[in-house]
Amino acid sequence: MQILQVKKQLVLTSRLDDLGHLPLKTLSSESGETLVAMDPVGTKEGDWVFTIANSAARDAAGDKRLLTDLTVGGIIDQWPPEEH
């Protein structure tokens, strides 16, 4: 699992049937790495999320037949932690 921030939704004019119809979001790590994940939970820009990777990502997307290696598992409230 990784904690990442949602940046944008990708708009696809065409996609493989095996990608299904879940929204795809670009995510950014705290180090600046950019990743793309399926979003079955309905995130918005700026949300911090945890992701599920590899073969478990297909189960998390809701269908083992979907072609994905990264899926948003949930939205994290109050992240990053407040510094005191």
C-alpha atoms as a PDB file:
ATOM      1  CA  MET A   1       0.000   0.000   0.000  1.00  0.00           C
ATOM      2  CA  GLN A   2       1.031   3.545  -0.690  1.00  0.00           C
ATOM      3  CA  ILE A   3      -0.382   6.877   0.398  1.00  0.00           C
ATOM      4  CA  LEU A   4      -0.784   9.198  -2.582  1.00  0.00           C
ATOM      5  CA  GLN A   5      -2.556  12.438  -3.499  1.00  0.00           C
ATOM      6  CA  VAL A   6      -5.137  12.668  -6.295  1.00  0.00           C
ATOM      7  CA  LYS A   7      -4.117  15.163  -8.971  1.00  0.00           C
ATOM      8  CA  LYS A   8      -6.516  14.775 -11.932  1.00  0.00           C
ATOM      9  CA  GLN A   9      -9.007  12.497 -13.619  1.00  0.00           C
ATOM     10  CA  LEU A  10      -7.883  11.167 -16.983  1.00  0.00           C
ATOM     11  CA  VAL A  11     -10.343  11.573 -19.847  1.00  0.00           C
ATOM     12  CA  LEU A  12     -10.097   8.708 -22.325  1.00  0.00           C
ATOM     13  CA  THR A  13     -11.753   8.871 -25.718  1.00  0.00           C
ATOM     14  CA  SER A  14     -11.178   5.155 -26.202  1.00  0.00           C
ATOM     15  CA  ARG A  15     -10.019   2.272 -24.022  1.00  0.00           C
ATOM     16  CA  LEU A  16      -9.718  -1.506 -24.043  1.00  0.00           C
ATOM     17  CA  ASP A  17     -12.847  -3.328 -22.897  1.00  0.00           C
ATOM     18  CA  ASP A  18     -10.762  -5.097 -20.245  1.00  0.00           C
ATOM     19  CA  LEU A  19     -10.143  -1.754 -18.516  1.00  0.00           C
ATOM     20  CA  GLY A  20     -13.820  -1.518 -17.623  1.00  0.00           C
ATOM     21  CA  HIS A  21     -15.458   1.843 -17.036  1.00  0.00           C
ATOM     22  CA  LEU A  22     -14.078   2.968 -13.688  1.00  0.00           C
ATOM     23  CA  PRO A  23     -12.567   6.459 -13.631  1.00  0.00           C
ATOM     24  CA  LEU A  24      -8.788   6.643 -13.924  1.00  0.00           C
ATOM     25  CA  LYS A  25      -6.966   9.164 -11.718  1.00  0.00           C
ATOM     26  CA  THR A  26      -3.424  10.475 -11.753  1.00  0.00           C
ATOM     27  CA  LEU A  27      -1.851  10.264  -8.320  1.00  0.00           C
ATOM     28  CA  SER A  28       1.309  11.820  -6.951  1.00  0.00           C
ATOM     29  CA  SER A  29       3.602  10.564  -4.207  1.00  0.00           C
ATOM     30  CA  GLU A  30       5.224  12.881  -1.684  1.00  0.00           C
ATOM     31  CA  SER A  31       8.484  12.435  -3.623  1.00  0.00           C
ATOM     32  CA  GLY A  32       6.814  13.624  -6.862  1.00  0.00           C
ATOM     33  CA  GLU A  33       6.336  10.277  -8.614  1.00  0.00           C
ATOM     34  CA  THR A  34       3.205  10.158 -10.824  1.00  0.00           C
ATOM     35  CA  LEU A  35       1.028   7.031 -11.035  1.00  0.00           C
ATOM     36  CA  VAL A  36      -2.353   6.141 -12.555  1.00  0.00           C
ATOM     37  CA  ALA A  37      -4.986   4.137 -10.668  1.00  0.00           C
ATOM     38  CA  MET A  38      -8.574   2.986 -11.070  1.00  0.00           C
ATOM     39  CA  ASP A  39     -10.915   4.841  -8.729  1.00  0.00           C
ATOM     40  CA  PRO A  40     -13.934   2.846  -7.540  1.00  0.00           C
ATOM     41  CA  VAL A  41     -14.459   5.082  -4.470  1.00  0.00           C
ATOM     42  CA  GLY A  42     -15.060   8.480  -6.132  1.00  0.00           C
ATOM     43  CA  THR A  43     -12.133  10.663  -5.133  1.00  0.00           C
ATOM     44  CA  LYS A  44     -11.672  14.327  -6.001  1.00  0.00           C
ATOM     45  CA  GLU A  45      -8.583  16.425  -6.716  1.00  0.00           C
ATOM     46  CA  GLY A  46      -6.492  16.981  -3.604  1.00  0.00           C
ATOM     47  CA  ASP A  47      -7.733  13.914  -1.693  1.00  0.00           C
ATOM     48  CA  TRP A  48      -5.121  11.780   0.024  1.00  0.00           C
ATOM     49  CA  VAL A  49      -5.761   8.097  -0.628  1.00  0.00           C
ATOM     50  CA  PHE A  50      -4.303   4.692   0.047  1.00  0.00           C
ATOM     51  CA  THR A  51      -3.802   2.389  -2.905  1.00  0.00           C
ATOM     52  CA  ILE A  52      -3.779  -1.347  -3.442  1.00  0.00           C
ATOM     53  CA  ALA A  53      -1.247  -2.693  -5.917  1.00  0.00           C
ATOM     54  CA  ASN A  54      -0.426  -5.715  -8.040  1.00  0.00           C
ATOM     55  CA  SER A  55      -2.866  -8.642  -8.330  1.00  0.00           C
ATOM     56  CA  ALA A  56      -4.890  -7.437  -5.307  1.00  0.00           C
ATOM     57  CA  ALA A  57      -5.670  -4.251  -7.276  1.00  0.00           C
ATOM     58  CA  ARG A  58      -7.993  -6.238  -9.532  1.00  0.00           C
ATOM     59  CA  ASP A  59     -10.018  -7.481  -6.565  1.00  0.00           C
ATOM     60  CA  ALA A  60     -10.093  -3.965  -5.110  1.00  0.00           C
ATOM     61  CA  ALA A  61     -11.464  -2.635  -8.419  1.00  0.00           C
ATOM     62  CA  GLY A  62     -14.374  -5.052  -8.079  1.00  0.00           C
ATOM     63  CA  ASP A  63     -13.639  -7.441 -10.935  1.00  0.00           C
ATOM     64  CA  LYS A  64     -10.685  -9.819 -11.260  1.00  0.00           C
ATOM     65  CA  ARG A  65     -10.889  -9.501 -15.050  1.00  0.00           C
ATOM     66  CA  LEU A  66     -10.007  -5.777 -15.073  1.00  0.00           C
ATOM     67  CA  LEU A  67      -6.528  -4.908 -16.296  1.00  0.00           C
ATOM     68  CA  THR A  68      -5.087  -2.850 -13.468  1.00  0.00           C
ATOM     69  CA  ASP A  69      -2.064  -2.910 -11.201  1.00  0.00           C
ATOM     70  CA  LEU A  70      -3.161   0.003  -8.986  1.00  0.00           C
ATOM     71  CA  THR A  71      -6.556   0.788  -7.420  1.00  0.00           C
ATOM     72  CA  VAL A  72      -7.644   3.424  -4.922  1.00  0.00           C
ATOM     73  CA  GLY A  73      -8.748   1.639  -1.744  1.00  0.00           C
ATOM     74  CA  GLY A  74     -10.022   4.599   0.277  1.00  0.00           C
ATOM     75  CA  ILE A  75      -9.826   8.294   1.098  1.00  0.00           C
ATOM     76  CA  ILE A  76      -7.752   9.350   4.108  1.00  0.00           C
ATOM     77  CA  ASP A  77      -9.104  12.152   6.295  1.00  0.00           C
ATOM     78  CA  GLN A  78      -6.633  14.656   7.773  1.00  0.00           C
ATOM     79  CA  TRP A  79      -3.478  13.652   5.916  1.00  0.00           C
ATOM     80  CA  PRO A  80      -0.680  14.606   6.066  1.00  0.00           C
ATOM     81  CA  PRO A  81      -0.609  14.755   9.865  1.00  0.00           C
ATOM     82  CA  GLU A  82      -0.563  18.225  11.368  1.00  0.00           C
ATOM     83  CA  GLU A  83       2.831  19.296  12.637  1.00  0.00           C
ATOM     84  CA  HIS A  84       2.981  20.741  16.143  1.00  0.00           C
END
